[in-house]
PDB file of N, CA and C in Angstrom:
ATOM      1  N   UNK A   1      -7.366  13.621   5.088  1.00  0.00           N
ATOM      2  CA  UNK A   1      -6.900  14.757   5.852  1.00  0.00           C
ATOM      3  C   UNK A   1      -7.045  14.443   7.326  1.00  0.00           C
ATOM      4  N   UNK A   2      -6.139  15.010   8.073  1.00  0.00           N
ATOM      5  CA  UNK A   2      -6.143  14.838   9.506  1.00  0.00           C
ATOM      6  C   UNK A   2      -6.047  16.209  10.147  1.00  0.00           C
ATOM      7  N   UNK A   3      -6.907  16.456  11.132  1.00  0.00           N
ATOM      8  CA  UNK A   3      -6.878  17.724  11.850  1.00  0.00           C
ATOM      9  C   UNK A   3      -6.308  17.540  13.245  1.00  0.00           C
ATOM     10  N   UNK A   4      -5.504  18.503  13.660  1.00  0.00           N
ATOM     11  CA  UNK A   4      -4.894  18.472  14.983  1.00  0.00           C
ATOM     12  C   UNK A   4      -5.323  19.718  15.747  1.00  0.00           C
ATOM     13  N   UNK A   5      -6.263  19.581  16.703  1.00  0.00           N
ATOM     14  CA  UNK A   5      -6.728  20.752  17.456  1.00  0.00           C
ATOM     15  C   UNK A   5      -5.575  21.412  18.213  1.00  0.00           C
ATOM     16  N   UNK A   6      -5.603  22.745  18.274  1.00  0.00           N
ATOM     17  CA  UNK A   6      -4.581  23.519  18.970  1.00  0.00           C
ATOM     18  C   UNK A   6      -5.264  24.502  19.902  1.00  0.00           C
ATOM     19  N   UNK A   7      -4.695  24.661  21.103  1.00  0.00           N
ATOM     20  CA  UNK A   7      -5.244  25.608  22.069  1.00  0.00           C
ATOM     21  C   UNK A   7      -4.144  26.519  22.582  1.00  0.00           C
ATOM     22  N   UNK A   8      -4.543  27.640  23.157  1.00  0.00           N
ATOM     23  CA  UNK A   8      -3.587  28.546  23.775  1.00  0.00           C
ATOM     24  C   UNK A   8      -3.181  29.684  22.872  1.00  0.00           C
ATOM     25  N   UNK A   9      -2.528  30.686  23.467  1.00  0.00           N
ATOM     26  CA  UNK A   9      -2.165  31.891  22.719  1.00  0.00           C
ATOM     27  C   UNK A   9      -0.992  31.704  21.762  1.00  0.00           C
ATOM     28  N   UNK A  10      -0.097  30.750  22.016  1.00  0.00           N
ATOM     29  CA  UNK A  10       1.065  30.582  21.137  1.00  0.00           C
ATOM     30  C   UNK A  10       0.830  29.398  20.210  1.00  0.00           C
ATOM     31  N   UNK A  11       0.116  29.666  19.130  1.00  0.00           N
ATOM     32  CA  UNK A  11      -0.221  28.620  18.176  1.00  0.00           C
ATOM     33  C   UNK A  11       1.018  28.156  17.424  1.00  0.00           C
ATOM     34  N   UNK A  12       1.022  26.902  17.031  1.00  0.00           N
ATOM     35  CA  UNK A  12       2.121  26.339  16.262  1.00  0.00           C
ATOM     36  C   UNK A  12       2.043  26.712  14.794  1.00  0.00           C
ATOM     37  N   UNK A  13       2.912  26.126  14.030  1.00  0.00           N
ATOM     38  CA  UNK A  13       3.014  26.375  12.599  1.00  0.00           C
ATOM     39  C   UNK A  13       1.722  26.009  11.877  1.00  0.00           C
ATOM     40  N   UNK A  14       1.248  26.908  11.036  1.00  0.00           N
ATOM     41  CA  UNK A  14       0.088  26.706  10.153  1.00  0.00           C
ATOM     42  C   UNK A  14      -1.240  26.498  10.881  1.00  0.00           C
ATOM     43  N   UNK A  15      -1.332  26.940  12.107  1.00  0.00           N
ATOM     44  CA  UNK A  15      -2.595  26.841  12.838  1.00  0.00           C
ATOM     45  C   UNK A  15      -3.521  27.959  12.364  1.00  0.00           C
ATOM     46  N   UNK A  16      -4.760  27.597  12.072  1.00  0.00           N
ATOM     47  CA  UNK A  16      -5.759  28.573  11.639  1.00  0.00           C
ATOM     48  C   UNK A  16      -7.137  28.073  12.051  1.00  0.00           C
ATOM     49  N   UNK A  17      -8.079  28.980  12.042  1.00  0.00           N
ATOM     50  CA  UNK A  17      -9.459  28.591  12.322  1.00  0.00           C
ATOM     51  C   UNK A  17      -9.984  27.921  11.055  1.00  0.00           C
ATOM     52  N   UNK A  18     -10.199  26.619  11.133  1.00  0.00           N
ATOM     53  CA  UNK A  18     -10.650  25.837   9.992  1.00  0.00           C
ATOM     54  C   UNK A  18     -11.355  24.593  10.508  1.00  0.00           C
ATOM     55  N   UNK A  19     -11.998  23.852   9.605  1.00  0.00           N
ATOM     56  CA  UNK A  19     -12.730  22.664  10.029  1.00  0.00           C
ATOM     57  C   UNK A  19     -11.760  21.604  10.541  1.00  0.00           C
ATOM     58  N   UNK A  20     -12.071  21.051  11.702  1.00  0.00           N
ATOM     59  CA  UNK A  20     -11.270  19.993  12.324  1.00  0.00           C
ATOM     60  C   UNK A  20     -12.163  18.770  12.517  1.00  0.00           C
ATOM     61  N   UNK A  21     -11.882  17.710  11.784  1.00  0.00           N
ATOM     62  CA  UNK A  21     -12.695  16.497  11.855  1.00  0.00           C
ATOM     63  C   UNK A  21     -12.738  15.878  13.240  1.00  0.00           C
ATOM     64  N   UNK A  22     -11.637  15.945  13.990  1.00  0.00           N
ATOM     65  CA  UNK A  22     -11.613  15.387  15.341  1.00  0.00           C
ATOM     66  C   UNK A  22     -12.636  16.064  16.238  1.00  0.00           C
ATOM     67  N   UNK A  23     -12.854  17.363  16.015  1.00  0.00           N
ATOM     68  CA  UNK A  23     -13.798  18.116  16.829  1.00  0.00           C
ATOM     69  C   UNK A  23     -15.190  18.178  16.207  1.00  0.00           C
ATOM     70  N   UNK A  24     -15.266  17.952  14.896  1.00  0.00           N
ATOM     71  CA  UNK A  24     -16.545  18.037  14.201  1.00  0.00           C
ATOM     72  C   UNK A  24     -17.036  19.460  14.024  1.00  0.00           C
ATOM     73  N   UNK A  25     -16.124  20.423  14.060  1.00  0.00           N
ATOM     74  CA  UNK A  25     -16.496  21.834  13.915  1.00  0.00           C
ATOM     75  C   UNK A  25     -15.270  22.640  13.535  1.00  0.00           C
ATOM     76  N   UNK A  26     -15.478  23.938  13.255  1.00  0.00           N
ATOM     77  CA  UNK A  26     -14.362  24.837  13.006  1.00  0.00           C
ATOM     78  C   UNK A  26     -13.748  25.264  14.323  1.00  0.00           C
ATOM     79  N   UNK A  27     -12.434  25.231  14.374  1.00  0.00           N
ATOM     80  CA  UNK A  27     -11.698  25.680  15.550  1.00  0.00           C
ATOM     81  C   UNK A  27     -10.249  25.879  15.140  1.00  0.00           C
ATOM     82  N   UNK A  28      -9.413  26.315  16.055  1.00  0.00           N
ATOM     83  CA  UNK A  28      -7.998  26.465  15.758  1.00  0.00           C
ATOM     84  C   UNK A  28      -7.362  25.087  15.656  1.00  0.00           C
ATOM     85  N   UNK A  29      -6.786  24.797  14.491  1.00  0.00           N
ATOM     86  CA  UNK A  29      -6.147  23.495  14.301  1.00  0.00           C
ATOM     87  C   UNK A  29      -5.157  23.556  13.147  1.00  0.00           C
ATOM     88  N   UNK A  30      -4.333  22.528  13.078  1.00  0.00           N
ATOM     89  CA  UNK A  30      -3.480  22.277  11.930  1.00  0.00           C
ATOM     90  C   UNK A  30      -4.161  21.179  11.133  1.00  0.00           C
ATOM     91  N   UNK A  31      -4.001  21.207   9.820  1.00  0.00           N
ATOM     92  CA  UNK A  31      -4.560  20.161   8.970  1.00  0.00           C
ATOM     93  C   UNK A  31      -3.436  19.609   8.098  1.00  0.00           C
ATOM     94  N   UNK A  32      -3.375  18.296   8.018  1.00  0.00           N
ATOM     95  CA  UNK A  32      -2.378  17.638   7.176  1.00  0.00           C
ATOM     96  C   UNK A  32      -3.084  16.781   6.138  1.00  0.00           C
ATOM     97  N   UNK A  33      -2.496  16.719   4.957  1.00  0.00           N
ATOM     98  CA  UNK A  33      -2.985  15.866   3.880  1.00  0.00           C
ATOM     99  C   UNK A  33      -1.982  14.726   3.750  1.00  0.00           C
ATOM    100  N   UNK A  34      -2.490  13.490   3.726  1.00  0.00           N
ATOM    101  CA  UNK A  34      -1.579  12.348   3.626  1.00  0.00           C
ATOM    102  C   UNK A  34      -2.072  11.360   2.571  1.00  0.00           C
ATOM    103  N   UNK A  35      -1.126  10.577   2.065  1.00  0.00           N
ATOM    104  CA  UNK A  35      -1.415   9.528   1.097  1.00  0.00           C
ATOM    105  C   UNK A  35      -0.857   8.235   1.666  1.00  0.00           C
ATOM    106  N   UNK A  36      -1.662   7.176   1.655  1.00  0.00           N
ATOM    107  CA  UNK A  36      -1.233   5.890   2.199  1.00  0.00           C
ATOM    108  C   UNK A  36      -1.434   4.790   1.177  1.00  0.00           C
ATOM    109  N   UNK A  37      -0.600   3.762   1.263  1.00  0.00           N
ATOM    110  CA  UNK A  37      -0.837   2.536   0.513  1.00  0.00           C
ATOM    111  C   UNK A  37      -1.494   1.575   1.492  1.00  0.00           C
ATOM    112  N   UNK A  38      -2.387   0.735   0.983  1.00  0.00           N
ATOM    113  CA  UNK A  38      -3.135  -0.130   1.886  1.00  0.00           C
ATOM    114  C   UNK A  38      -3.303  -1.523   1.305  1.00  0.00           C
ATOM    115  N   UNK A  39      -3.349  -2.491   2.191  1.00  0.00           N
ATOM    116  CA  UNK A  39      -3.696  -3.869   1.856  1.00  0.00           C
ATOM    117  C   UNK A  39      -4.746  -4.297   2.865  1.00  0.00           C
ATOM    118  N   UNK A  40      -5.202  -5.529   2.750  1.00  0.00           N
ATOM    119  CA  UNK A  40      -6.185  -6.005   3.725  1.00  0.00           C
ATOM    120  C   UNK A  40      -5.552  -6.155   5.110  1.00  0.00           C
ATOM    121  N   UNK A  41      -4.215  -6.135   5.181  1.00  0.00           N
ATOM    122  CA  UNK A  41      -3.520  -6.281   6.465  1.00  0.00           C
ATOM    123  C   UNK A  41      -3.276  -4.950   7.172  1.00  0.00           C
ATOM    124  N   UNK A  42      -3.322  -3.859   6.444  1.00  0.00           N
ATOM    125  CA  UNK A  42      -3.085  -2.568   7.070  1.00  0.00           C
ATOM    126  C   UNK A  42      -2.725  -1.509   6.052  1.00  0.00           C
ATOM    127  N   UNK A  43      -2.355  -0.334   6.551  1.00  0.00           N
ATOM    128  CA  UNK A  43      -1.984   0.771   5.670  1.00  0.00           C
ATOM    129  C   UNK A  43      -0.681   1.404   6.145  1.00  0.00           C
ATOM    130  N   UNK A  44      -0.035   2.090   5.218  1.00  0.00           N
ATOM    131  CA  UNK A  44       1.247   2.726   5.496  1.00  0.00           C
ATOM    132  C   UNK A  44       1.270   4.087   4.804  1.00  0.00           C
ATOM    133  N   UNK A  45       1.427   5.174   5.584  1.00  0.00           N
ATOM    134  CA  UNK A  45       1.503   6.490   4.943  1.00  0.00           C
ATOM    135  C   UNK A  45       2.805   6.631   4.159  1.00  0.00           C
ATOM    136  N   UNK A  46       2.696   7.162   2.937  1.00  0.00           N
ATOM    137  CA  UNK A  46       3.881   7.356   2.096  1.00  0.00           C
ATOM    138  C   UNK A  46       4.114   8.830   1.758  1.00  0.00           C
ATOM    139  N   UNK A  47       3.152   9.681   2.052  1.00  0.00           N
ATOM    140  CA  UNK A  47       3.302  11.117   1.828  1.00  0.00           C
ATOM    141  C   UNK A  47       2.491  11.852   2.884  1.00  0.00           C
ATOM    142  N   UNK A  48       3.042  12.971   3.338  1.00  0.00           N
ATOM    143  CA  UNK A  48       2.397  13.728   4.411  1.00  0.00           C
ATOM    144  C   UNK A  48       2.796  15.190   4.249  1.00  0.00           C
ATOM    145  N   UNK A  49       1.815  16.088   4.222  1.00  0.00           N
ATOM    146  CA  UNK A  49       2.126  17.507   4.083  1.00  0.00           C
ATOM    147  C   UNK A  49       1.163  18.347   4.905  1.00  0.00           C
ATOM    148  N   UNK A  50       1.734  19.260   5.647  1.00  0.00           N
ATOM    149  CA  UNK A  50       0.940  20.183   6.437  1.00  0.00           C
ATOM    150  C   UNK A  50       0.328  21.220   5.501  1.00  0.00           C
ATOM    151  N   UNK A  51      -0.968  21.464   5.643  1.00  0.00           N
ATOM    152  CA  UNK A  51      -1.664  22.453   4.835  1.00  0.00           C
ATOM    153  C   UNK A  51      -1.248  23.847   5.292  1.00  0.00           C
ATOM    154  N   UNK A  52      -0.847  24.702   4.348  1.00  0.00           N
ATOM    155  CA  UNK A  52      -0.453  26.080   4.635  1.00  0.00           C
ATOM    156  C   UNK A  52      -1.617  27.006   4.281  1.00  0.00           C
ATOM    157  N   UNK A  53      -2.329  27.525   5.290  1.00  0.00           N
ATOM    158  CA  UNK A  53      -3.465  28.415   5.012  1.00  0.00           C
ATOM    159  C   UNK A  53      -3.012  29.686   4.282  1.00  0.00           C
ATOM    160  N   UNK A  54      -3.923  30.268   3.505  1.00  0.00           N
ATOM    161  CA  UNK A  54      -3.604  31.458   2.707  1.00  0.00           C
ATOM    162  C   UNK A  54      -3.097  32.618   3.562  1.00  0.00           C
ATOM    163  N   UNK A  55      -3.701  32.822   4.749  1.00  0.00           N
ATOM    164  CA  UNK A  55      -3.250  33.944   5.581  1.00  0.00           C
ATOM    165  C   UNK A  55      -1.826  33.728   6.090  1.00  0.00           C
ATOM    166  N   UNK A  56      -1.430  32.485   6.284  1.00  0.00           N
ATOM    167  CA  UNK A  56      -0.041  32.186   6.647  1.00  0.00           C
ATOM    168  C   UNK A  56       0.882  32.451   5.459  1.00  0.00           C
ATOM    169  N   UNK A  57       0.471  32.022   4.291  1.00  0.00           N
ATOM    170  CA  UNK A  57       1.302  32.180   3.094  1.00  0.00           C
ATOM    171  C   UNK A  57       1.545  33.652   2.774  1.00  0.00           C
ATOM    172  N   UNK A  58       0.585  34.505   3.100  1.00  0.00           N
ATOM    173  CA  UNK A  58       0.672  35.931   2.778  1.00  0.00           C
ATOM    174  C   UNK A  58       1.362  36.764   3.855  1.00  0.00           C
ATOM    175  N   UNK A  59       1.787  36.142   4.950  1.00  0.00           N
ATOM    176  CA  UNK A  59       2.375  36.880   6.069  1.00  0.00           C
ATOM    177  C   UNK A  59       3.868  36.543   6.206  1.00  0.00           C
ATOM    178  N   UNK A  60       4.750  37.390   5.674  1.00  0.00           N
ATOM    179  CA  UNK A  60       6.188  37.101   5.688  1.00  0.00           C
ATOM    180  C   UNK A  60       6.758  36.926   7.100  1.00  0.00           C
ATOM    181  N   UNK A  61       6.281  37.715   8.056  1.00  0.00           N
ATOM    182  CA  UNK A  61       6.788  37.604   9.427  1.00  0.00           C
ATOM    183  C   UNK A  61       6.456  36.243  10.040  1.00  0.00           C
ATOM    184  N   UNK A  62       5.230  35.808   9.854  1.00  0.00           N
ATOM    185  CA  UNK A  62       4.822  34.478  10.348  1.00  0.00           C
ATOM    186  C   UNK A  62       5.667  33.375   9.717  1.00  0.00           C
ATOM    187  N   UNK A  63       5.879  33.497   8.430  1.00  0.00           N
ATOM    188  CA  UNK A  63       6.659  32.478   7.696  1.00  0.00           C
ATOM    189  C   UNK A  63       8.074  32.380   8.254  1.00  0.00           C
ATOM    190  N   UNK A  64       8.691  33.528   8.516  1.00  0.00           N
ATOM    191  CA  UNK A  64      10.059  33.533   9.035  1.00  0.00           C
ATOM    192  C   UNK A  64      10.108  32.887  10.413  1.00  0.00           C
ATOM    193  N   UNK A  65       9.218  33.309  11.304  1.00  0.00           N
ATOM    194  CA  UNK A  65       9.202  32.765  12.667  1.00  0.00           C
ATOM    195  C   UNK A  65       8.952  31.257  12.658  1.00  0.00           C
ATOM    196  N   UNK A  66       8.070  30.795  11.779  1.00  0.00           N
ATOM    197  CA  UNK A  66       7.720  29.371  11.723  1.00  0.00           C
ATOM    198  C   UNK A  66       8.690  28.554  10.875  1.00  0.00           C
ATOM    199  N   UNK A  67       9.586  29.232  10.145  1.00  0.00           N
ATOM    200  CA  UNK A  67      10.543  28.515   9.307  1.00  0.00           C
ATOM    201  C   UNK A  67       9.946  27.963   8.024  1.00  0.00           C
ATOM    202  N   UNK A  68       8.921  28.635   7.505  1.00  0.00           N
ATOM    203  CA  UNK A  68       8.299  28.195   6.254  1.00  0.00           C
ATOM    204  C   UNK A  68       9.113  28.773   5.093  1.00  0.00           C
ATOM    205  N   UNK A  69       9.722  27.931   4.269  1.00  0.00           N
ATOM    206  CA  UNK A  69      10.556  28.422   3.163  1.00  0.00           C
ATOM    207  C   UNK A  69       9.775  29.282   2.165  1.00  0.00           C
ATOM    208  N   UNK A  70      10.485  30.204   1.519  1.00  0.00           N
ATOM    209  CA  UNK A  70       9.863  31.109   0.545  1.00  0.00           C
ATOM    210  C   UNK A  70       9.237  30.390  -0.634  1.00  0.00           C
ATOM    211  N   UNK A  71       9.790  29.226  -1.016  1.00  0.00           N
ATOM    212  CA  UNK A  71       9.288  28.534  -2.205  1.00  0.00           C
ATOM    213  C   UNK A  71       8.023  27.714  -1.941  1.00  0.00           C
ATOM    214  N   UNK A  72       7.598  27.631  -0.688  1.00  0.00           N
ATOM    215  CA  UNK A  72       6.357  26.917  -0.363  1.00  0.00           C
ATOM    216  C   UNK A  72       5.197  27.899  -0.469  1.00  0.00           C
ATOM    217  N   UNK A  73       4.204  27.542  -1.281  1.00  0.00           N
ATOM    218  CA  UNK A  73       3.034  28.417  -1.428  1.00  0.00           C
ATOM    219  C   UNK A  73       1.786  27.695  -0.933  1.00  0.00           C
ATOM    220  N   UNK A  74       0.746  28.436  -0.708  1.00  0.00           N
ATOM    221  CA  UNK A  74      -0.516  27.848  -0.272  1.00  0.00           C
ATOM    222  C   UNK A  74      -1.155  27.096  -1.433  1.00  0.00           C
ATOM    223  N   UNK A  75      -1.565  25.875  -1.184  1.00  0.00           N
ATOM    224  CA  UNK A  75      -2.296  25.063  -2.161  1.00  0.00           C
ATOM    225  C   UNK A  75      -3.565  24.561  -1.493  1.00  0.00           C
ATOM    226  N   UNK A  76      -4.572  24.291  -2.290  1.00  0.00           N
ATOM    227  CA  UNK A  76      -5.786  23.709  -1.717  1.00  0.00           C
ATOM    228  C   UNK A  76      -5.480  22.273  -1.291  1.00  0.00           C
ATOM    229  N   UNK A  77      -6.298  21.745  -0.418  1.00  0.00           N
ATOM    230  CA  UNK A  77      -6.094  20.359   0.029  1.00  0.00           C
ATOM    231  C   UNK A  77      -6.200  19.373  -1.126  1.00  0.00           C
ATOM    232  N   UNK A  78      -7.166  19.535  -2.051  1.00  0.00           N
ATOM    233  CA  UNK A  78      -7.189  18.637  -3.216  1.00  0.00           C
ATOM    234  C   UNK A  78      -5.933  18.759  -4.085  1.00  0.00           C
ATOM    235  N   UNK A  79      -5.373  19.968  -4.226  1.00  0.00           N
ATOM    236  CA  UNK A  79      -4.139  20.140  -4.997  1.00  0.00           C
ATOM    237  C   UNK A  79      -2.978  19.392  -4.343  1.00  0.00           C
ATOM    238  N   UNK A  80      -2.908  19.453  -3.014  1.00  0.00           N
ATOM    239  CA  UNK A  80      -1.855  18.735  -2.293  1.00  0.00           C
ATOM    240  C   UNK A  80      -2.010  17.235  -2.507  1.00  0.00           C
ATOM    241  N   UNK A  81      -3.232  16.724  -2.387  1.00  0.00           N
ATOM    242  CA  UNK A  81      -3.485  15.290  -2.560  1.00  0.00           C
ATOM    243  C   UNK A  81      -3.120  14.842  -3.979  1.00  0.00           C
ATOM    244  N   UNK A  82      -3.492  15.628  -4.973  1.00  0.00           N
ATOM    245  CA  UNK A  82      -3.171  15.289  -6.360  1.00  0.00           C
ATOM    246  C   UNK A  82      -1.656  15.275  -6.585  1.00  0.00           C
ATOM    247  N   UNK A  83      -0.957  16.240  -6.011  1.00  0.00           N
ATOM    248  CA  UNK A  83       0.499  16.281  -6.121  1.00  0.00           C
ATOM    249  C   UNK A  83       1.118  15.027  -5.480  1.00  0.00           C
ATOM    250  N   UNK A  84       0.597  14.615  -4.335  1.00  0.00           N
ATOM    251  CA  UNK A  84       1.101  13.419  -3.665  1.00  0.00           C
ATOM    252  C   UNK A  84       0.873  12.174  -4.523  1.00  0.00           C
ATOM    253  N   UNK A  85      -0.296  12.069  -5.136  1.00  0.00           N
ATOM    254  CA  UNK A  85      -0.584  10.905  -5.985  1.00  0.00           C
ATOM    255  C   UNK A  85       0.313  10.899  -7.220  1.00  0.00           C
ATOM    256  N   UNK A  86       0.492  12.064  -7.837  1.00  0.00           N
ATOM    257  CA  UNK A  86       1.368  12.143  -9.017  1.00  0.00           C
ATOM    258  C   UNK A  86       2.802  11.752  -8.663  1.00  0.00           C
ATOM    259  N   UNK A  87       3.275  12.209  -7.505  1.00  0.00           N
ATOM    260  CA  UNK A  87       4.641  11.879  -7.093  1.00  0.00           C
ATOM    261  C   UNK A  87       4.771  10.378  -6.824  1.00  0.00           C
ATOM    262  N   UNK A  88       3.784   9.786  -6.184  1.00  0.00           N
ATOM    263  CA  UNK A  88       3.815   8.346  -5.900  1.00  0.00           C
ATOM    264  C   UNK A  88       3.834   7.546  -7.198  1.00  0.00           C
ATOM    265  N   UNK A  89       3.049   7.962  -8.173  1.00  0.00           N
ATOM    266  CA  UNK A  89       3.041   7.269  -9.459  1.00  0.00           C
ATOM    267  C   UNK A  89       4.359   7.458 -10.204  1.00  0.00           C
ATOM    268  N   UNK A  90       4.955   8.632 -10.069  1.00  0.00           N
ATOM    269  CA  UNK A  90       6.242   8.891 -10.715  1.00  0.00           C
ATOM    270  C   UNK A  90       7.346   8.050 -10.080  1.00  0.00           C
ATOM    271  N   UNK A  91       7.275   7.864  -8.775  1.00  0.00           N
ATOM    272  CA  UNK A  91       8.277   7.058  -8.073  1.00  0.00           C
ATOM    273  C   UNK A  91       8.140   5.577  -8.419  1.00  0.00           C
ATOM    274  N   UNK A  92       6.936   5.128  -8.599  1.00  0.00           N
ATOM    275  CA  UNK A  92       6.587   3.750  -8.970  1.00  0.00           C
ATOM    276  C   UNK A  92       7.028   2.680  -7.979  1.00  0.00           C
ATOM    277  N   UNK A  93       8.037   2.916  -7.169  1.00  0.00           N
ATOM    278  CA  UNK A  93       8.474   1.904  -6.210  1.00  0.00           C
ATOM    279  C   UNK A  93       7.329   1.455  -5.309  1.00  0.00           C
ATOM    280  N   UNK A  94       6.569   2.408  -4.806  1.00  0.00           N
ATOM    281  CA  UNK A  94       5.510   2.063  -3.864  1.00  0.00           C
ATOM    282  C   UNK A  94       4.313   1.426  -4.558  1.00  0.00           C
ATOM    283  N   UNK A  95       4.157   1.648  -5.854  1.00  0.00           N
ATOM    284  CA  UNK A  95       2.986   1.110  -6.533  1.00  0.00           C
ATOM    285  C   UNK A  95       3.237  -0.259  -7.162  1.00  0.00           C
ATOM    286  N   UNK A  96       4.490  -0.656  -7.305  1.00  0.00           N
ATOM    287  CA  UNK A  96       4.793  -1.910  -7.968  1.00  0.00           C
ATOM    288  C   UNK A  96       5.316  -3.008  -7.044  1.00  0.00           C
ATOM    289  N   UNK A  97       5.779  -2.625  -5.886  1.00  0.00           N
ATOM    290  CA  UNK A  97       6.316  -3.633  -4.957  1.00  0.00           C
ATOM    291  C   UNK A  97       5.231  -4.129  -4.017  1.00  0.00           C
ATOM    292  N   UNK A  98       5.301  -5.360  -3.700  1.00  0.00           N
ATOM    293  CA  UNK A  98       4.385  -5.925  -2.732  1.00  0.00           C
ATOM    294  C   UNK A  98       4.960  -5.685  -1.338  1.00  0.00           C
ATOM    295  N   UNK A  99       4.158  -5.181  -0.465  1.00  0.00           N
ATOM    296  CA  UNK A  99       4.594  -4.903   0.907  1.00  0.00           C
ATOM    297  C   UNK A  99       3.983  -5.961   1.812  1.00  0.00           C
ATOM    298  N   UNK A 100       4.805  -6.552   2.658  1.00  0.00           N
ATOM    299  CA  UNK A 100       4.290  -7.512   3.649  1.00  0.00           C
ATOM    300  C   UNK A 100       4.411  -8.942   3.296  1.00  0.00           C
TER     301      UNK A 100
END
């Protein structure tokens, strides 16, 4: 997970008071869950999803202003990570090809 600290009165999409690793504390931030493939030479992200906090998911006005589609629901960060891993395994391209 990656946290992106946010400041000011006009917060961006999915900003909420939550733990931000960059700051080492709870503050206003966005959090993204990502999945990467890695070798000893480096890593490459293959999946990336912004975490949608429950209060955002439950607020239709916020969703409309931010452009969050109706079919996107709030999931826990572990649920997002598991979905990313399942999709990567289903695709198989990234797990069977040698990169580099």
